Amino acid sequence: MKFGRADAVLAVILLLAAAALFLTGLLLKDEGRYALVCHGEEEIGRYTLSEDGDYVLRTEEGTNTLCIRDGEAFISAADCPGGDCMRMGRIGKEGGSIVCLPHRLVIRITGGEEEIDVLVR
């Protein structure tokens, strides 16, 4: 079987289409993921993970600073006793959360694809 000009054109078109789909997947990876901030049962903020930023979260109980960097969220400052929320680390995967009990704040990652770390049977 011979490899002709039409076969070469078809192969190039298929390679370009595959490359375009791959690059689109890379560019849209963070689209749709955001940090949902709740105070008690009330949603008080929703921040996209695709843009870096610092957000001051003020409640009756106190103040926390939510930072978003490189698709991950973390608490950089808080005036709560103990500051446990600042030591909870960075979250970026679907379902990840940070809790500040004294301020009644919960920050949870939603949207995007859920990643499973461990599967137990």
PDB file of N, CA and C in Angstrom:
ATOM      1  N   MET A   1       0.845  -1.169   0.000  1.00  0.00           N
ATOM      2  CA  MET A   1       0.000   0.000   0.000  1.00  0.00           C
ATOM      3  C   MET A   1       0.895   1.239   0.000  1.00  0.00           C
ATOM      4  N   LYS A   2       0.555   2.187  -0.875  1.00  0.00           N
ATOM      5  CA  LYS A   2       1.348   3.401  -1.014  1.00  0.00           C
ATOM      6  C   LYS A   2       0.805   4.504  -0.127  1.00  0.00           C
ATOM      7  N   PHE A   3       1.714   5.361   0.326  1.00  0.00           N
ATOM      8  CA  PHE A   3       1.371   6.527   1.129  1.00  0.00           C
ATOM      9  C   PHE A   3       1.420   7.723   0.186  1.00  0.00           C
ATOM     10  N   GLY A   4       0.246   8.221  -0.204  1.00  0.00           N
ATOM     11  CA  GLY A   4       0.166   9.298  -1.186  1.00  0.00           C
ATOM     12  C   GLY A   4       0.013  10.674  -0.564  1.00  0.00           C
ATOM     13  N   ARG A   5      -0.146  11.639  -1.446  1.00  0.00           N
ATOM     14  CA  ARG A   5      -0.283  13.034  -1.032  1.00  0.00           C
ATOM     15  C   ARG A   5      -1.542  13.231  -0.187  1.00  0.00           C
ATOM     16  N   ALA A   6      -2.645  12.629  -0.531  1.00  0.00           N
ATOM     17  CA  ALA A   6      -3.895  12.759   0.223  1.00  0.00           C
ATOM     18  C   ALA A   6      -3.744  12.179   1.630  1.00  0.00           C
ATOM     19  N   ASP A   7      -3.005  11.085   1.741  1.00  0.00           N
ATOM     20  CA  ASP A   7      -2.752  10.491   3.061  1.00  0.00           C
ATOM     21  C   ASP A   7      -1.925  11.433   3.939  1.00  0.00           C
ATOM     22  N   ALA A   8      -0.939  12.083   3.343  1.00  0.00           N
ATOM     23  CA  ALA A   8      -0.102  13.024   4.083  1.00  0.00           C
ATOM     24  C   ALA A   8      -0.920  14.216   4.565  1.00  0.00           C
ATOM     25  N   VAL A   9      -1.792  14.740   3.701  1.00  0.00           N
ATOM     26  CA  VAL A   9      -2.648  15.875   4.080  1.00  0.00           C
ATOM     27  C   VAL A   9      -3.579  15.461   5.217  1.00  0.00           C
ATOM     28  N   LEU A  10      -4.163  14.295   5.136  1.00  0.00           N
ATOM     29  CA  LEU A  10      -5.048  13.806   6.185  1.00  0.00           C
ATOM     30  C   LEU A  10      -4.292  13.630   7.501  1.00  0.00           C
ATOM     31  N   ALA A  11      -3.079  13.102   7.457  1.00  0.00           N
ATOM     32  CA  ALA A  11      -2.283  12.917   8.665  1.00  0.00           C
ATOM     33  C   ALA A  11      -1.958  14.268   9.313  1.00  0.00           C
ATOM     34  N   VAL A  12      -1.612  15.271   8.515  1.00  0.00           N
ATOM     35  CA  VAL A  12      -1.303  16.601   9.048  1.00  0.00           C
ATOM     36  C   VAL A  12      -2.544  17.218   9.677  1.00  0.00           C
ATOM     37  N   ILE A  13      -3.693  17.088   9.038  1.00  0.00           N
ATOM     38  CA  ILE A  13      -4.945  17.627   9.583  1.00  0.00           C
ATOM     39  C   ILE A  13      -5.273  16.959  10.914  1.00  0.00           C
ATOM     40  N   LEU A  14      -5.124  15.646  10.990  1.00  0.00           N
ATOM     41  CA  LEU A  14      -5.398  14.930  12.242  1.00  0.00           C
ATOM     42  C   LEU A  14      -4.428  15.341  13.352  1.00  0.00           C
ATOM     43  N   LEU A  15      -3.159  15.506  13.029  1.00  0.00           N
ATOM     44  CA  LEU A  15      -2.181  15.947  14.034  1.00  0.00           C
ATOM     45  C   LEU A  15      -2.481  17.360  14.531  1.00  0.00           C
ATOM     46  N   LEU A  16      -2.856  18.252  13.625  1.00  0.00           N
ATOM     47  CA  LEU A  16      -3.198  19.613  14.037  1.00  0.00           C
ATOM     48  C   LEU A  16      -4.449  19.636  14.908  1.00  0.00           C
ATOM     49  N   ALA A  17      -5.436  18.825  14.578  1.00  0.00           N
ATOM     50  CA  ALA A  17      -6.655  18.757  15.384  1.00  0.00           C
ATOM     51  C   ALA A  17      -6.348  18.210  16.774  1.00  0.00           C
ATOM     52  N   ALA A  18      -5.524  17.178  16.850  1.00  0.00           N
ATOM     53  CA  ALA A  18      -5.150  16.611  18.151  1.00  0.00           C
ATOM     54  C   ALA A  18      -4.373  17.632  18.981  1.00  0.00           C
ATOM     55  N   ALA A  19      -3.463  18.358  18.367  1.00  0.00           N
ATOM     56  CA  ALA A  19      -2.689  19.382  19.089  1.00  0.00           C
ATOM     57  C   ALA A  19      -3.609  20.494  19.584  1.00  0.00           C
ATOM     58  N   ALA A  20      -4.567  20.909  18.777  1.00  0.00           N
ATOM     59  CA  ALA A  20      -5.509  21.963  19.187  1.00  0.00           C
ATOM     60  C   ALA A  20      -6.349  21.509  20.368  1.00  0.00           C
ATOM     61  N   LEU A  21      -6.825  20.278  20.349  1.00  0.00           N
ATOM     62  CA  LEU A  21      -7.612  19.761  21.467  1.00  0.00           C
ATOM     63  C   LEU A  21      -6.774  19.663  22.736  1.00  0.00           C
ATOM     64  N   PHE A  22      -5.541  19.229  22.609  1.00  0.00           N
ATOM     65  CA  PHE A  22      -4.651  19.120  23.761  1.00  0.00           C
ATOM     66  C   PHE A  22      -4.382  20.490  24.376  1.00  0.00           C
ATOM     67  N   LEU A  23      -4.057  21.475  23.540  1.00  0.00           N
ATOM     68  CA  LEU A  23      -3.769  22.820  24.043  1.00  0.00           C
ATOM     69  C   LEU A  23      -5.013  23.459  24.652  1.00  0.00           C
ATOM     70  N   THR A  24      -6.168  23.233  24.072  1.00  0.00           N
ATOM     71  CA  THR A  24      -7.412  23.760  24.635  1.00  0.00           C
ATOM     72  C   THR A  24      -7.652  23.166  26.012  1.00  0.00           C
ATOM     73  N   GLY A  25      -7.404  21.891  26.185  1.00  0.00           N
ATOM     74  CA  GLY A  25      -7.550  21.245  27.489  1.00  0.00           C
ATOM     75  C   GLY A  25      -6.609  21.830  28.525  1.00  0.00           C
ATOM     76  N   LEU A  26      -5.376  22.139  28.125  1.00  0.00           N
ATOM     77  CA  LEU A  26      -4.421  22.745  29.051  1.00  0.00           C
ATOM     78  C   LEU A  26      -4.842  24.154  29.448  1.00  0.00           C
ATOM     79  N   LEU A  27      -5.301  24.926  28.479  1.00  0.00           N
ATOM     80  CA  LEU A  27      -5.680  26.306  28.757  1.00  0.00           C
ATOM     81  C   LEU A  27      -6.938  26.403  29.609  1.00  0.00           C
ATOM     82  N   LEU A  28      -7.852  25.473  29.466  1.00  0.00           N
ATOM     83  CA  LEU A  28      -9.120  25.535  30.190  1.00  0.00           C
ATOM     84  C   LEU A  28      -9.110  24.707  31.467  1.00  0.00           C
ATOM     85  N   LYS A  29      -7.950  24.219  31.882  1.00  0.00           N
ATOM     86  CA  LYS A  29      -7.862  23.334  33.040  1.00  0.00           C
ATOM     87  C   LYS A  29      -8.442  23.967  34.303  1.00  0.00           C
ATOM     88  N   ASP A  30      -8.154  25.250  34.565  1.00  0.00           N
ATOM     89  CA  ASP A  30      -8.624  25.899  35.777  1.00  0.00           C
ATOM     90  C   ASP A  30     -10.003  26.526  35.629  1.00  0.00           C
ATOM     91  N   GLU A  31     -10.544  26.554  34.421  1.00  0.00           N
ATOM     92  CA  GLU A  31     -11.857  27.154  34.234  1.00  0.00           C
ATOM     93  C   GLU A  31     -12.904  26.408  35.048  1.00  0.00           C
ATOM     94  N   GLY A  32     -13.735  27.159  35.729  1.00  0.00           N
ATOM     95  CA  GLY A  32     -14.824  26.541  36.461  1.00  0.00           C
ATOM     96  C   GLY A  32     -14.521  26.238  37.906  1.00  0.00           C
ATOM     97  N   ARG A  33     -13.257  26.220  38.310  1.00  0.00           N
ATOM     98  CA  ARG A  33     -12.954  25.968  39.715  1.00  0.00           C
ATOM     99  C   ARG A  33     -12.944  27.296  40.460  1.00  0.00           C
ATOM    100  N   TYR A  34     -13.555  27.296  41.626  1.00  0.00           N
ATOM    101  CA  TYR A  34     -13.557  28.512  42.426  1.00  0.00           C
ATOM    102  C   TYR A  34     -13.613  28.164  43.902  1.00  0.00           C
ATOM    103  N   ALA A  35     -13.235  29.151  44.718  1.00  0.00           N
ATOM    104  CA  ALA A  35     -13.301  29.002  46.169  1.00  0.00           C
ATOM    105  C   ALA A  35     -14.634  29.584  46.629  1.00  0.00           C
ATOM    106  N   LEU A  36     -15.445  28.747  47.230  1.00  0.00           N
ATOM    107  CA  LEU A  36     -16.739  29.152  47.770  1.00  0.00           C
ATOM    108  C   LEU A  36     -16.550  29.443  49.254  1.00  0.00           C
ATOM    109  N   VAL A  37     -16.894  30.650  49.693  1.00  0.00           N
ATOM    110  CA  VAL A  37     -16.711  31.062  51.083  1.00  0.00           C
ATOM    111  C   VAL A  37     -18.071  31.177  51.748  1.00  0.00           C
ATOM    112  N   CYS A  38     -18.243  30.435  52.857  1.00  0.00           N
ATOM    113  CA  CYS A  38     -19.498  30.468  53.613  1.00  0.00           C
ATOM    114  C   CYS A  38     -19.223  30.891  55.048  1.00  0.00           C
ATOM    115  N   HIS A  39     -20.115  31.726  55.566  1.00  0.00           N
ATOM    116  CA  HIS A  39     -20.092  32.130  56.976  1.00  0.00           C
ATOM    117  C   HIS A  39     -21.335  31.514  57.591  1.00  0.00           C
ATOM    118  N   GLY A  40     -21.118  30.520  58.435  1.00  0.00           N
ATOM    119  CA  GLY A  40     -22.270  29.755  58.927  1.00  0.00           C
ATOM    120  C   GLY A  40     -22.902  29.031  57.752  1.00  0.00           C
ATOM    121  N   GLU A  41     -24.184  29.261  57.528  1.00  0.00           N
ATOM    122  CA  GLU A  41     -24.904  28.628  56.406  1.00  0.00           C
ATOM    123  C   GLU A  41     -24.998  29.549  55.190  1.00  0.00           C
ATOM    124  N   GLU A  42     -24.489  30.775  55.293  1.00  0.00           N
ATOM    125  CA  GLU A  42     -24.657  31.782  54.241  1.00  0.00           C
ATOM    126  C   GLU A  42     -23.415  31.896  53.366  1.00  0.00           C
ATOM    127  N   GLU A  43     -23.609  31.855  52.042  1.00  0.00           N
ATOM    128  CA  GLU A  43     -22.513  32.079  51.111  1.00  0.00           C
ATOM    129  C   GLU A  43     -22.190  33.567  51.097  1.00  0.00           C
ATOM    130  N   ILE A  44     -20.915  33.907  51.352  1.00  0.00           N
ATOM    131  CA  ILE A  44     -20.529  35.320  51.364  1.00  0.00           C
ATOM    132  C   ILE A  44     -19.540  35.678  50.257  1.00  0.00           C
ATOM    133  N   GLY A  45     -19.068  34.698  49.513  1.00  0.00           N
ATOM    134  CA  GLY A  45     -18.154  34.991  48.421  1.00  0.00           C
ATOM    135  C   GLY A  45     -17.869  33.782  47.561  1.00  0.00           C
ATOM    136  N   ARG A  46     -17.478  34.079  46.321  1.00  0.00           N
ATOM    137  CA  ARG A  46     -17.124  33.051  45.346  1.00  0.00           C
ATOM    138  C   ARG A  46     -16.003  33.635  44.499  1.00  0.00           C
ATOM    139  N   TYR A  47     -14.814  33.019  44.551  1.00  0.00           N
ATOM    140  CA  TYR A  47     -13.635  33.582  43.907  1.00  0.00           C
ATOM    141  C   TYR A  47     -13.018  32.557  42.962  1.00  0.00           C
ATOM    142  N   THR A  48     -12.801  32.959  41.717  1.00  0.00           N
ATOM    143  CA  THR A  48     -12.233  32.055  40.727  1.00  0.00           C
ATOM    144  C   THR A  48     -10.779  31.722  41.072  1.00  0.00           C
ATOM    145  N   LEU A  49     -10.386  30.499  40.796  1.00  0.00           N
ATOM    146  CA  LEU A  49      -9.005  30.080  41.027  1.00  0.00           C
ATOM    147  C   LEU A  49      -8.121  30.381  39.823  1.00  0.00           C
ATOM    148  N   SER A  50      -8.712  30.843  38.734  1.00  0.00           N
ATOM    149  CA  SER A  50      -7.920  31.116  37.539  1.00  0.00           C
ATOM    150  C   SER A  50      -7.252  32.491  37.587  1.00  0.00           C
ATOM    151  N   GLU A  51      -7.582  33.322  38.594  1.00  0.00           N
ATOM    152  CA  GLU A  51      -6.953  34.637  38.737  1.00  0.00           C
ATOM    153  C   GLU A  51      -6.396  34.786  40.150  1.00  0.00           C
ATOM    154  N   ASP A  52      -5.133  35.197  40.244  1.00  0.00           N
ATOM    155  CA  ASP A  52      -4.526  35.434  41.550  1.00  0.00           C
ATOM    156  C   ASP A  52      -5.156  36.666  42.204  1.00  0.00           C
ATOM    157  N   GLY A  53      -5.277  36.627  43.528  1.00  0.00           N
ATOM    158  CA  GLY A  53      -5.830  37.777  44.237  1.00  0.00           C
ATOM    159  C   GLY A  53      -5.817  37.574  45.736  1.00  0.00           C
ATOM    160  N   ASP A  54      -5.998  38.671  46.466  1.00  0.00           N
ATOM    161  CA  ASP A  54      -6.114  38.666  47.921  1.00  0.00           C
ATOM    162  C   ASP A  54      -7.474  39.251  48.280  1.00  0.00           C
ATOM    163  N   TYR A  55      -8.197  38.562  49.171  1.00  0.00           N
ATOM    164  CA  TYR A  55      -9.559  38.963  49.530  1.00  0.00           C
ATOM    165  C   TYR A  55      -9.699  38.977  51.045  1.00  0.00           C
ATOM    166  N   VAL A  56     -10.109  40.120  51.586  1.00  0.00           N
ATOM    167  CA  VAL A  56     -10.308  40.253  53.023  1.00  0.00           C
ATOM    168  C   VAL A  56     -11.735  39.816  53.341  1.00  0.00           C
ATOM    169  N   LEU A  57     -11.862  38.831  54.219  1.00  0.00           N
ATOM    170  CA  LEU A  57     -13.155  38.283  54.621  1.00  0.00           C
ATOM    171  C   LEU A  57     -13.465  38.776  56.031  1.00  0.00           C
ATOM    172  N   ARG A  58     -14.399  39.721  56.132  1.00  0.00           N
ATOM    173  CA  ARG A  58     -14.753  40.289  57.443  1.00  0.00           C
ATOM    174  C   ARG A  58     -16.099  39.727  57.896  1.00  0.00           C
ATOM    175  N   THR A  59     -16.129  39.253  59.126  1.00  0.00           N
ATOM    176  CA  THR A  59     -17.375  38.787  59.742  1.00  0.00           C
ATOM    177  C   THR A  59     -17.485  39.447  61.113  1.00  0.00           C
ATOM    178  N   GLU A  60     -18.605  39.199  61.786  1.00  0.00           N
ATOM    179  CA  GLU A  60     -18.777  39.736  63.136  1.00  0.00           C
ATOM    180  C   GLU A  60     -17.723  39.169  64.083  1.00  0.00           C
ATOM    181  N   GLU A  61     -17.257  37.959  63.791  1.00  0.00           N
ATOM    182  CA  GLU A  61     -16.303  37.281  64.665  1.00  0.00           C
ATOM    183  C   GLU A  61     -14.862  37.717  64.443  1.00  0.00           C
ATOM    184  N   GLY A  62     -14.531  38.205  63.244  1.00  0.00           N
ATOM    185  CA  GLY A  62     -13.157  38.606  62.969  1.00  0.00           C
ATOM    186  C   GLY A  62     -12.861  38.686  61.488  1.00  0.00           C
ATOM    187  N   THR A  63     -11.560  38.725  61.158  1.00  0.00           N
ATOM    188  CA  THR A  63     -11.114  38.949  59.780  1.00  0.00           C
ATOM    189  C   THR A  63     -10.115  37.871  59.361  1.00  0.00           C
ATOM    190  N   ASN A  64     -10.289  37.391  58.136  1.00  0.00           N
ATOM    191  CA  ASN A  64      -9.360  36.453  57.510  1.00  0.00           C
ATOM    192  C   ASN A  64      -8.979  37.018  56.148  1.00  0.00           C
ATOM    193  N   THR A  65      -7.779  36.696  55.674  1.00  0.00           N
ATOM    194  CA  THR A  65      -7.366  37.089  54.329  1.00  0.00           C
ATOM    195  C   THR A  65      -7.198  35.828  53.495  1.00  0.00           C
ATOM    196  N   LEU A  66      -8.016  35.718  52.456  1.00  0.00           N
ATOM    197  CA  LEU A  66      -7.960  34.598  51.523  1.00  0.00           C
ATOM    198  C   LEU A  66      -7.065  34.988  50.362  1.00  0.00           C
ATOM    199  N   CYS A  67      -6.054  34.175  50.084  1.00  0.00           N
ATOM    200  CA  CYS A  67      -5.158  34.402  48.957  1.00  0.00           C
ATOM    201  C   CYS A  67      -5.366  33.302  47.927  1.00  0.00           C
ATOM    202  N   ILE A  68      -5.360  33.702  46.673  1.00  0.00           N
ATOM    203  CA  ILE A  68      -5.421  32.739  45.574  1.00  0.00           C
ATOM    204  C   ILE A  68      -4.172  32.945  44.731  1.00  0.00           C
ATOM    205  N   ARG A  69      -3.396  31.877  44.606  1.00  0.00           N
ATOM    206  CA  ARG A  69      -2.154  31.902  43.844  1.00  0.00           C
ATOM    207  C   ARG A  69      -2.018  30.605  43.060  1.00  0.00           C
ATOM    208  N   ASP A  70      -1.744  30.735  41.784  1.00  0.00           N
ATOM    209  CA  ASP A  70      -1.450  29.576  40.932  1.00  0.00           C
ATOM    210  C   ASP A  70      -2.516  28.485  41.027  1.00  0.00           C
ATOM    211  N   GLY A  71      -3.787  28.871  41.069  1.00  0.00           N
ATOM    212  CA  GLY A  71      -4.871  27.896  41.079  1.00  0.00           C
ATOM    213  C   GLY A  71      -5.141  27.260  42.425  1.00  0.00           C
ATOM    214  N   GLU A  72      -4.573  27.811  43.498  1.00  0.00           N
ATOM    215  CA  GLU A  72      -4.794  27.274  44.840  1.00  0.00           C
ATOM    216  C   GLU A  72      -5.174  28.407  45.788  1.00  0.00           C
ATOM    217  N   ALA A  73      -5.942  28.075  46.821  1.00  0.00           N
ATOM    218  CA  ALA A  73      -6.392  29.047  47.811  1.00  0.00           C
ATOM    219  C   ALA A  73      -5.809  28.695  49.177  1.00  0.00           C
ATOM    220  N   PHE A  74      -5.533  29.734  49.975  1.00  0.00           N
ATOM    221  CA  PHE A  74      -5.048  29.539  51.336  1.00  0.00           C
ATOM    222  C   PHE A  74      -5.345  30.789  52.151  1.00  0.00           C
ATOM    223  N   ILE A  75      -5.317  30.648  53.466  1.00  0.00           N
ATOM    224  CA  ILE A  75      -5.503  31.782  54.369  1.00  0.00           C
ATOM    225  C   ILE A  75      -4.118  32.296  54.754  1.00  0.00           C
ATOM    226  N   SER A  76      -3.836  33.556  54.436  1.00  0.00           N
ATOM    227  CA  SER A  76      -2.517  34.126  54.737  1.00  0.00           C
ATOM    228  C   SER A  76      -2.501  34.885  56.057  1.00  0.00           C
ATOM    229  N   ALA A  77      -3.663  35.361  56.509  1.00  0.00           N
ATOM    230  CA  ALA A  77      -3.721  36.103  57.770  1.00  0.00           C
ATOM    231  C   ALA A  77      -5.093  35.916  58.395  1.00  0.00           C
ATOM    232  N   ALA A  78      -5.110  35.862  59.724  1.00  0.00           N
ATOM    233  CA  ALA A  78      -6.376  35.728  60.455  1.00  0.00           C
ATOM    234  C   ALA A  78      -6.153  36.230  61.873  1.00  0.00           C
ATOM    235  N   ASP A  79      -7.198  36.864  62.438  1.00  0.00           N
ATOM    236  CA  ASP A  79      -7.084  37.348  63.812  1.00  0.00           C
ATOM    237  C   ASP A  79      -7.797  36.431  64.809  1.00  0.00           C
ATOM    238  N   CYS A  80      -8.003  35.177  64.422  1.00  0.00           N
ATOM    239  CA  CYS A  80      -8.638  34.216  65.324  1.00  0.00           C
ATOM    240  C   CYS A  80      -7.613  33.657  66.313  1.00  0.00           C
ATOM    241  N   PRO A  81      -8.071  33.216  67.482  1.00  0.00           N
ATOM    242  CA  PRO A  81      -7.141  32.608  68.433  1.00  0.00           C
ATOM    243  C   PRO A  81      -6.589  31.291  67.870  1.00  0.00           C
ATOM    244  N   GLY A  82      -5.312  31.119  67.961  1.00  0.00           N
ATOM    245  CA  GLY A  82      -4.693  29.874  67.490  1.00  0.00           C
ATOM    246  C   GLY A  82      -4.252  29.915  66.044  1.00  0.00           C
ATOM    247  N   GLY A  83      -5.003  30.518  65.167  1.00  0.00           N
ATOM    248  CA  GLY A  83      -4.646  30.625  63.751  1.00  0.00           C
ATOM    249  C   GLY A  83      -4.547  29.305  63.017  1.00  0.00           C
ATOM    250  N   ASP A  84      -5.350  28.317  63.428  1.00  0.00           N
ATOM    251  CA  ASP A  84      -5.286  27.005  62.774  1.00  0.00           C
ATOM    252  C   ASP A  84      -5.601  27.080  61.284  1.00  0.00           C
ATOM    253  N   CYS A  85      -6.481  27.981  60.870  1.00  0.00           N
ATOM    254  CA  CYS A  85      -6.862  28.083  59.461  1.00  0.00           C
ATOM    255  C   CYS A  85      -5.670  28.466  58.581  1.00  0.00           C
ATOM    256  N   MET A  86      -4.720  29.202  59.139  1.00  0.00           N
ATOM    257  CA  MET A  86      -3.536  29.586  58.365  1.00  0.00           C
ATOM    258  C   MET A  86      -2.589  28.411  58.158  1.00  0.00           C
ATOM    259  N   ARG A  87      -2.691  27.390  58.999  1.00  0.00           N
ATOM    260  CA  ARG A  87      -1.813  26.222  58.886  1.00  0.00           C
ATOM    261  C   ARG A  87      -2.458  25.069  58.124  1.00  0.00           C
ATOM    262  N   MET A  88      -3.652  25.276  57.594  1.00  0.00           N
ATOM    263  CA  MET A  88      -4.325  24.196  56.868  1.00  0.00           C
ATOM    264  C   MET A  88      -3.759  23.994  55.470  1.00  0.00           C
ATOM    265  N   GLY A  89      -2.915  24.901  55.021  1.00  0.00           N
ATOM    266  CA  GLY A  89      -2.247  24.737  53.739  1.00  0.00           C
ATOM    267  C   GLY A  89      -3.064  25.227  52.565  1.00  0.00           C
ATOM    268  N   ARG A  90      -2.584  24.876  51.390  1.00  0.00           N
ATOM    269  CA  ARG A  90      -3.202  25.304  50.136  1.00  0.00           C
ATOM    270  C   ARG A  90      -4.196  24.247  49.666  1.00  0.00           C
ATOM    271  N   ILE A  91      -5.297  24.717  49.095  1.00  0.00           N
ATOM    272  CA  ILE A  91      -6.282  23.809  48.521  1.00  0.00           C
ATOM    273  C   ILE A  91      -6.552  24.230  47.080  1.00  0.00           C
ATOM    274  N   GLY A  92      -6.738  23.248  46.219  1.00  0.00           N
ATOM    275  CA  GLY A  92      -7.018  23.556  44.824  1.00  0.00           C
ATOM    276  C   GLY A  92      -7.842  22.494  44.133  1.00  0.00           C
ATOM    277  N   LYS A  93      -7.960  21.337  44.761  1.00  0.00           N
ATOM    278  CA  LYS A  93      -8.730  20.242  44.176  1.00  0.00           C
ATOM    279  C   LYS A  93     -10.185  20.333  44.603  1.00  0.00           C
ATOM    280  N   GLU A  94     -11.065  19.869  43.753  1.00  0.00           N
ATOM    281  CA  GLU A  94     -12.496  19.807  44.054  1.00  0.00           C
ATOM    282  C   GLU A  94     -12.707  19.118  45.394  1.00  0.00           C
ATOM    283  N   GLY A  95     -13.468  19.728  46.276  1.00  0.00           N
ATOM    284  CA  GLY A  95     -13.757  19.141  47.577  1.00  0.00           C
ATOM    285  C   GLY A  95     -12.801  19.555  48.678  1.00  0.00           C
ATOM    286  N   GLY A  96     -11.670  20.174  48.344  1.00  0.00           N
ATOM    287  CA  GLY A  96     -10.741  20.644  49.368  1.00  0.00           C
ATOM    288  C   GLY A  96     -11.383  21.747  50.194  1.00  0.00           C
ATOM    289  N   SER A  97     -11.020  21.836  51.478  1.00  0.00           N
ATOM    290  CA  SER A  97     -11.635  22.860  52.317  1.00  0.00           C
ATOM    291  C   SER A  97     -10.677  23.378  53.383  1.00  0.00           C
ATOM    292  N   ILE A  98     -10.950  24.597  53.808  1.00  0.00           N
ATOM    293  CA  ILE A  98     -10.277  25.242  54.933  1.00  0.00           C
ATOM    294  C   ILE A  98     -11.382  25.706  55.862  1.00  0.00           C
ATOM    295  N   VAL A  99     -11.197  25.485  57.163  1.00  0.00           N
ATOM    296  CA  VAL A  99     -12.215  25.851  58.146  1.00  0.00           C
ATOM    297  C   VAL A  99     -11.590  26.747  59.206  1.00  0.00           C
ATOM    298  N   CYS A 100     -12.294  27.826  59.540  1.00  0.00           N
ATOM    299  CA  CYS A 100     -11.921  28.682  60.664  1.00  0.00           C
ATOM    300  C   CYS A 100     -13.106  28.651  61.627  1.00  0.00           C
ATOM    301  N   LEU A 101     -13.039  27.794  62.627  1.00  0.00           N
ATOM    302  CA  LEU A 101     -14.159  27.634  63.562  1.00  0.00           C
ATOM    303  C   LEU A 101     -14.465  28.901  64.359  1.00  0.00           C
ATOM    304  N   PRO A 102     -13.456  29.609  64.896  1.00  0.00           N
ATOM    305  CA  PRO A 102     -13.800  30.806  65.671  1.00  0.00           C
ATOM    306  C   PRO A 102     -14.568  31.853  64.859  1.00  0.00           C
ATOM    307  N   HIS A 103     -14.277  31.937  63.551  1.00  0.00           N
ATOM    308  CA  HIS A 103     -14.949  32.923  62.700  1.00  0.00           C
ATOM    309  C   HIS A 103     -16.127  32.326  61.938  1.00  0.00           C
ATOM    310  N   ARG A 104     -16.387  31.032  62.134  1.00  0.00           N
ATOM    311  CA  ARG A 104     -17.476  30.319  61.463  1.00  0.00           C
ATOM    312  C   ARG A 104     -17.372  30.398  59.939  1.00  0.00           C
ATOM    313  N   LEU A 105     -16.127  30.304  59.424  1.00  0.00           N
ATOM    314  CA  LEU A 105     -15.875  30.356  57.987  1.00  0.00           C
ATOM    315  C   LEU A 105     -15.504  28.987  57.457  1.00  0.00           C
ATOM    316  N   VAL A 106     -16.030  28.678  56.267  1.00  0.00           N
ATOM    317  CA  VAL A 106     -15.638  27.474  55.540  1.00  0.00           C
ATOM    318  C   VAL A 106     -15.331  27.898  54.113  1.00  0.00           C
ATOM    319  N   ILE A 107     -14.143  27.543  53.624  1.00  0.00           N
ATOM    320  CA  ILE A 107     -13.756  27.802  52.245  1.00  0.00           C
ATOM    321  C   ILE A 107     -13.626  26.450  51.578  1.00  0.00           C
ATOM    322  N   ARG A 108     -14.371  26.262  50.489  1.00  0.00           N
ATOM    323  CA  ARG A 108     -14.416  24.957  49.837  1.00  0.00           C
ATOM    324  C   ARG A 108     -14.211  25.142  48.344  1.00  0.00           C
ATOM    325  N   ILE A 109     -13.447  24.256  47.723  1.00  0.00           N
ATOM    326  CA  ILE A 109     -13.220  24.303  46.282  1.00  0.00           C
ATOM    327  C   ILE A 109     -14.334  23.535  45.584  1.00  0.00           C
ATOM    328  N   THR A 110     -14.947  24.188  44.617  1.00  0.00           N
ATOM    329  CA  THR A 110     -16.013  23.556  43.843  1.00  0.00           C
ATOM    330  C   THR A 110     -15.782  23.817  42.360  1.00  0.00           C
ATOM    331  N   GLY A 111     -16.451  23.030  41.535  1.00  0.00           N
ATOM    332  CA  GLY A 111     -16.304  23.163  40.087  1.00  0.00           C
ATOM    333  C   GLY A 111     -15.116  22.376  39.591  1.00  0.00           C
ATOM    334  N   GLY A 112     -14.995  22.248  38.295  1.00  0.00           N
ATOM    335  CA  GLY A 112     -13.881  21.496  37.723  1.00  0.00           C
ATOM    336  C   GLY A 112     -14.067  20.011  37.928  1.00  0.00           C
ATOM    337  N   GLU A 113     -12.990  19.278  37.726  1.00  0.00           N
ATOM    338  CA  GLU A 113     -13.044  17.834  37.877  1.00  0.00           C
ATOM    339  C   GLU A 113     -12.538  17.437  39.244  1.00  0.00           C
ATOM    340  N   GLU A 114     -13.224  16.489  39.861  1.00  0.00           N
ATOM    341  CA  GLU A 114     -12.794  15.989  41.162  1.00  0.00           C
ATOM    342  C   GLU A 114     -11.626  15.034  40.962  1.00  0.00           C
ATOM    343  N   GLU A 115     -10.604  15.200  41.781  1.00  0.00           N
ATOM    344  CA  GLU A 115      -9.450  14.307  41.718  1.00  0.00           C
ATOM    345  C   GLU A 115      -9.469  13.408  42.943  1.00  0.00           C
ATOM    346  N   ILE A 116      -9.272  12.135  42.729  1.00  0.00           N
ATOM    347  CA  ILE A 116      -9.300  11.166  43.826  1.00  0.00           C
ATOM    348  C   ILE A 116      -7.872  10.856  44.227  1.00  0.00           C
ATOM    349  N   ASP A 117      -7.557  11.083  45.505  1.00  0.00           N
ATOM    350  CA  ASP A 117      -6.217  10.786  46.011  1.00  0.00           C
ATOM    351  C   ASP A 117      -6.069   9.314  46.374  1.00  0.00           C
ATOM    352  N   VAL A 118      -7.073   8.736  47.042  1.00  0.00           N
ATOM    353  CA  VAL A 118      -6.995   7.367  47.512  1.00  0.00           C
ATOM    354  C   VAL A 118      -8.337   6.683  47.256  1.00  0.00           C
ATOM    355  N   LEU A 119      -8.285   5.471  46.798  1.00  0.00           N
ATOM    356  CA  LEU A 119      -9.502   4.677  46.610  1.00  0.00           C
ATOM    357  C   LEU A 119      -9.395   3.465  47.509  1.00  0.00           C
ATOM    358  N   VAL A 120     -10.349   3.325  48.440  1.00  0.00           N
ATOM    359  CA  VAL A 120     -10.340   2.225  49.400  1.00  0.00           C
ATOM    360  C   VAL A 120     -11.474   1.277  49.055  1.00  0.00           C
ATOM    361  N   ARG A 121     -11.181  -0.008  49.049  1.00  0.00           N
ATOM    362  CA  ARG A 121     -12.220  -0.997  48.759  1.00  0.00           C
ATOM    363  C   ARG A 121     -12.520  -1.802  49.973  1.00  0.00           C
TER     364      ARG A 121
END
